[in-house]
């Protein structure tokens, strides 16, 4: 599994950035969409994978 940085574009709020775990970028988009549903976010208009995160350490 790899870590992906995903940006969610929103209609009425600033974009949201998530780091998700997935096997590929398609699954990263699905994981981000599922997370949005769980949070109750209703103004999302786009989900895009920014890139793969090599390390979670700062």
C-alpha atoms as a PDB file:
ATOM      1  CA  UNK A   1       0.000   0.000   0.000  1.00  0.00           C
ATOM      2  CA  UNK A   2       1.112   3.515  -0.727  1.00  0.00           C
ATOM      3  CA  UNK A   3       0.117   6.937   0.558  1.00  0.00           C
ATOM      4  CA  UNK A   4      -1.443   9.463  -1.816  1.00  0.00           C
ATOM      5  CA  UNK A   5      -2.132  13.148  -1.336  1.00  0.00           C
ATOM      6  CA  UNK A   6      -5.613  13.990  -2.603  1.00  0.00           C
ATOM      7  CA  UNK A   7      -7.170  17.436  -3.067  1.00  0.00           C
ATOM      8  CA  UNK A   8     -10.924  17.903  -2.824  1.00  0.00           C
ATOM      9  CA  UNK A   9     -12.249  20.963  -4.633  1.00  0.00           C
ATOM     10  CA  UNK A  10     -15.303  22.428  -2.921  1.00  0.00           C
ATOM     11  CA  UNK A  11     -18.027  24.846  -4.015  1.00  0.00           C
ATOM     12  CA  UNK A  12     -18.432  26.984  -0.910  1.00  0.00           C
ATOM     13  CA  UNK A  13     -15.337  26.195   1.168  1.00  0.00           C
ATOM     14  CA  UNK A  14     -11.593  26.193   0.550  1.00  0.00           C
ATOM     15  CA  UNK A  15     -10.079  23.029  -0.957  1.00  0.00           C
ATOM     16  CA  UNK A  16      -9.390  20.194   1.460  1.00  0.00           C
ATOM     17  CA  UNK A  17      -6.258  18.042   1.389  1.00  0.00           C
ATOM     18  CA  UNK A  18      -6.271  14.398   2.520  1.00  0.00           C
ATOM     19  CA  UNK A  19      -3.587  11.760   2.745  1.00  0.00           C
ATOM     20  CA  UNK A  20      -5.066   8.332   2.017  1.00  0.00           C
ATOM     21  CA  UNK A  21      -3.702   4.803   1.831  1.00  0.00           C
ATOM     22  CA  UNK A  22      -4.390   2.899  -1.393  1.00  0.00           C
ATOM     23  CA  UNK A  23      -2.848   0.502  -3.886  1.00  0.00           C
ATOM     24  CA  UNK A  24      -3.178   2.914  -6.830  1.00  0.00           C
ATOM     25  CA  UNK A  25      -4.458   6.394  -7.640  1.00  0.00           C
ATOM     26  CA  UNK A  26      -7.957   5.194  -8.607  1.00  0.00           C
ATOM     27  CA  UNK A  27      -8.414   3.589  -5.227  1.00  0.00           C
ATOM     28  CA  UNK A  28      -7.086   6.765  -3.598  1.00  0.00           C
ATOM     29  CA  UNK A  29      -9.921   8.748  -5.233  1.00  0.00           C
ATOM     30  CA  UNK A  30     -12.453   6.176  -4.017  1.00  0.00           C
ATOM     31  CA  UNK A  31     -11.042   6.284  -0.481  1.00  0.00           C
ATOM     32  CA  UNK A  32     -11.208  10.095  -0.435  1.00  0.00           C
ATOM     33  CA  UNK A  33     -14.819  10.055  -1.691  1.00  0.00           C
ATOM     34  CA  UNK A  34     -15.784   7.543   1.006  1.00  0.00           C
ATOM     35  CA  UNK A  35     -14.139   9.750   3.640  1.00  0.00           C
ATOM     36  CA  UNK A  36     -16.139  12.756   2.401  1.00  0.00           C
ATOM     37  CA  UNK A  37     -19.381  10.797   2.666  1.00  0.00           C
ATOM     38  CA  UNK A  38     -18.556   9.788   6.239  1.00  0.00           C
ATOM     39  CA  UNK A  39     -17.840  13.427   7.157  1.00  0.00           C
ATOM     40  CA  UNK A  40     -21.061  14.617   5.529  1.00  0.00           C
ATOM     41  CA  UNK A  41     -19.325  16.934   3.050  1.00  0.00           C
ATOM     42  CA  UNK A  42     -21.938  17.909   0.458  1.00  0.00           C
ATOM     43  CA  UNK A  43     -20.240  20.682  -1.519  1.00  0.00           C
ATOM     44  CA  UNK A  44     -17.435  18.651  -3.132  1.00  0.00           C
ATOM     45  CA  UNK A  45     -17.167  19.209  -6.869  1.00  0.00           C
ATOM     46  CA  UNK A  46     -13.923  17.433  -7.704  1.00  0.00           C
ATOM     47  CA  UNK A  47     -11.381  14.980  -6.332  1.00  0.00           C
ATOM     48  CA  UNK A  48      -7.870  14.771  -7.732  1.00  0.00           C
ATOM     49  CA  UNK A  49      -4.734  12.901  -6.760  1.00  0.00           C
ATOM     50  CA  UNK A  50      -1.848  15.336  -6.363  1.00  0.00           C
ATOM     51  CA  UNK A  51       0.818  12.663  -6.055  1.00  0.00           C
ATOM     52  CA  UNK A  52       2.233   9.796  -4.108  1.00  0.00           C
ATOM     53  CA  UNK A  53       3.687  10.609  -0.697  1.00  0.00           C
ATOM     54  CA  UNK A  54       7.090   9.033  -0.161  1.00  0.00           C
ATOM     55  CA  UNK A  55       7.165   9.530   3.597  1.00  0.00           C
ATOM     56  CA  UNK A  56       4.728  10.748   6.216  1.00  0.00           C
ATOM     57  CA  UNK A  57       7.550  12.197   8.288  1.00  0.00           C
ATOM     58  CA  UNK A  58       7.807  15.976   8.211  1.00  0.00           C
END
